Amino acid sequence: MPLQSLFEQAVADSKNLPERPDNMTLLKLYALYKQGSAGDVQGARPGMTDFVARAKWDAWAGLKGLSQDQGIQQYLGLITDLKK
């Protein structure tokens, strides 16, 4: 199965995990999803008053330089671990 198809299936699977991941894992999932789907972080860093958007942006920015394929593979691995 092509990598993109596996990624799309993992995104669908992420909505049906046995239990809700903790916030740090959710941030990691978000960052890997964005890296896998859009590449390196884009746009300006959100302001200090928007805590959630800033945390998401920072998590994504932490993956700068990781290829989209690597982001997808790490996302797939994390979803697989969370489904157990």
C-alpha atoms as a PDB file:
ATOM      1  CA  MET A   1       0.000   0.000   0.000  1.00  0.00           C
ATOM      2  CA  PRO A   2       1.422   3.422  -0.886  1.00  0.00           C
ATOM      3  CA  LEU A   3       2.673   5.592   1.978  1.00  0.00           C
ATOM      4  CA  GLN A   4      -0.001   8.248   1.374  1.00  0.00           C
ATOM      5  CA  SER A   5      -2.790   5.664   1.651  1.00  0.00           C
ATOM      6  CA  LEU A   6      -1.311   4.323   4.888  1.00  0.00           C
ATOM      7  CA  PHE A   7      -1.127   7.901   6.203  1.00  0.00           C
ATOM      8  CA  GLU A   8      -4.775   8.568   5.361  1.00  0.00           C
ATOM      9  CA  GLN A   9      -5.797   5.324   7.091  1.00  0.00           C
ATOM     10  CA  ALA A  10      -3.740   6.239  10.174  1.00  0.00           C
ATOM     11  CA  VAL A  11      -5.430   9.656  10.325  1.00  0.00           C
ATOM     12  CA  ALA A  12      -8.816   7.900  10.274  1.00  0.00           C
ATOM     13  CA  ASP A  13      -7.597   5.432  12.919  1.00  0.00           C
ATOM     14  CA  SER A  14      -6.479   8.313  15.153  1.00  0.00           C
ATOM     15  CA  LYS A  15     -10.131   9.242  15.674  1.00  0.00           C
ATOM     16  CA  ASN A  16     -10.932   5.772  17.058  1.00  0.00           C
ATOM     17  CA  LEU A  17      -8.111   5.063  19.510  1.00  0.00           C
ATOM     18  CA  PRO A  18      -8.921   2.840  22.515  1.00  0.00           C
ATOM     19  CA  GLU A  19      -8.209   5.729  24.890  1.00  0.00           C
ATOM     20  CA  ARG A  20      -7.522   9.448  24.533  1.00  0.00           C
ATOM     21  CA  PRO A  21      -3.772  10.211  24.477  1.00  0.00           C
ATOM     22  CA  ASP A  22      -2.304  12.712  26.943  1.00  0.00           C
ATOM     23  CA  ASN A  23      -1.754  16.306  25.813  1.00  0.00           C
ATOM     24  CA  MET A  24       1.950  15.852  25.006  1.00  0.00           C
ATOM     25  CA  THR A  25       1.154  12.876  22.776  1.00  0.00           C
ATOM     26  CA  LEU A  26      -1.642  14.841  21.105  1.00  0.00           C
ATOM     27  CA  LEU A  27       0.838  17.656  20.368  1.00  0.00           C
ATOM     28  CA  LYS A  28       3.276  15.139  18.905  1.00  0.00           C
ATOM     29  CA  LEU A  29       0.521  13.642  16.747  1.00  0.00           C
ATOM     30  CA  TYR A  30      -0.454  17.119  15.545  1.00  0.00           C
ATOM     31  CA  ALA A  31       3.141  18.062  14.727  1.00  0.00           C
ATOM     32  CA  LEU A  32       3.829  14.802  12.868  1.00  0.00           C
ATOM     33  CA  TYR A  33       0.550  15.131  10.966  1.00  0.00           C
ATOM     34  CA  LYS A  34       1.392  18.686   9.890  1.00  0.00           C
ATOM     35  CA  GLN A  35       4.968  17.740   8.970  1.00  0.00           C
ATOM     36  CA  GLY A  36       3.727  14.759   6.971  1.00  0.00           C
ATOM     37  CA  SER A  37       0.989  16.674   5.188  1.00  0.00           C
ATOM     38  CA  ALA A  38       2.484  20.160   4.735  1.00  0.00           C
ATOM     39  CA  GLY A  39       6.240  19.950   5.381  1.00  0.00           C
ATOM     40  CA  ASP A  40       8.129  22.480   7.494  1.00  0.00           C
ATOM     41  CA  VAL A  41       6.232  24.941   9.676  1.00  0.00           C
ATOM     42  CA  GLN A  42       4.737  27.948   7.925  1.00  0.00           C
ATOM     43  CA  GLY A  43       3.510  31.328   9.104  1.00  0.00           C
ATOM     44  CA  ALA A  44       4.382  33.457  12.081  1.00  0.00           C
ATOM     45  CA  ARG A  45       4.471  32.097  15.611  1.00  0.00           C
ATOM     46  CA  PRO A  46       1.185  32.863  17.410  1.00  0.00           C
ATOM     47  CA  GLY A  47       1.191  35.423  20.204  1.00  0.00           C
ATOM     48  CA  MET A  48       1.682  34.647  23.892  1.00  0.00           C
ATOM     49  CA  THR A  49      -2.036  34.910  24.661  1.00  0.00           C
ATOM     50  CA  ASP A  50      -3.011  32.068  22.308  1.00  0.00           C
ATOM     51  CA  PHE A  51      -1.521  29.229  24.339  1.00  0.00           C
ATOM     52  CA  VAL A  52      -2.961  26.332  22.327  1.00  0.00           C
ATOM     53  CA  ALA A  53      -2.004  27.681  18.898  1.00  0.00           C
ATOM     54  CA  ARG A  54       1.460  28.577  20.186  1.00  0.00           C
ATOM     55  CA  ALA A  55       2.013  25.091  21.637  1.00  0.00           C
ATOM     56  CA  LYS A  56       0.920  23.505  18.351  1.00  0.00           C
ATOM     57  CA  TRP A  57       3.151  25.825  16.308  1.00  0.00           C
ATOM     58  CA  ASP A  58       6.136  25.145  18.600  1.00  0.00           C
ATOM     59  CA  ALA A  59       5.609  21.368  18.364  1.00  0.00           C
ATOM     60  CA  TRP A  60       5.480  21.566  14.578  1.00  0.00           C
ATOM     61  CA  ALA A  61       8.486  23.902  14.420  1.00  0.00           C
ATOM     62  CA  GLY A  62      10.448  21.347  16.463  1.00  0.00           C
ATOM     63  CA  LEU A  63      10.275  18.985  13.478  1.00  0.00           C
ATOM     64  CA  LYS A  64      11.755  21.488  11.011  1.00  0.00           C
ATOM     65  CA  GLY A  65      14.036  19.716   8.560  1.00  0.00           C
ATOM     66  CA  LEU A  66      12.287  16.349   8.893  1.00  0.00           C
ATOM     67  CA  SER A  67      11.110  15.195   5.465  1.00  0.00           C
ATOM     68  CA  GLN A  68       7.405  14.715   4.824  1.00  0.00           C
ATOM     69  CA  ASP A  69       7.958  10.969   4.332  1.00  0.00           C
ATOM     70  CA  GLN A  70       9.795  10.725   7.660  1.00  0.00           C
ATOM     71  CA  GLY A  71       6.972  12.649   9.332  1.00  0.00           C
ATOM     72  CA  ILE A  72       4.435  10.234   7.869  1.00  0.00           C
ATOM     73  CA  GLN A  73       6.444   7.190   8.963  1.00  0.00           C
ATOM     74  CA  GLN A  74       6.782   8.518  12.523  1.00  0.00           C
ATOM     75  CA  TYR A  75       3.065   9.333  12.596  1.00  0.00           C
ATOM     76  CA  LEU A  76       2.251   5.788  11.442  1.00  0.00           C
ATOM     77  CA  GLY A  77       4.493   4.344  14.162  1.00  0.00           C
ATOM     78  CA  LEU A  78       2.930   6.454  16.882  1.00  0.00           C
ATOM     79  CA  ILE A  79      -0.639   5.589  15.810  1.00  0.00           C
ATOM     80  CA  THR A  80       0.298   1.893  15.729  1.00  0.00           C
ATOM     81  CA  ASP A  81       1.661   2.140  19.286  1.00  0.00           C
ATOM     82  CA  LEU A  82      -1.455   3.982  20.493  1.00  0.00           C
ATOM     83  CA  LYS A  83      -3.811   1.385  18.991  1.00  0.00           C
ATOM     84  CA  LYS A  84      -2.316  -1.367  21.201  1.00  0.00           C
END
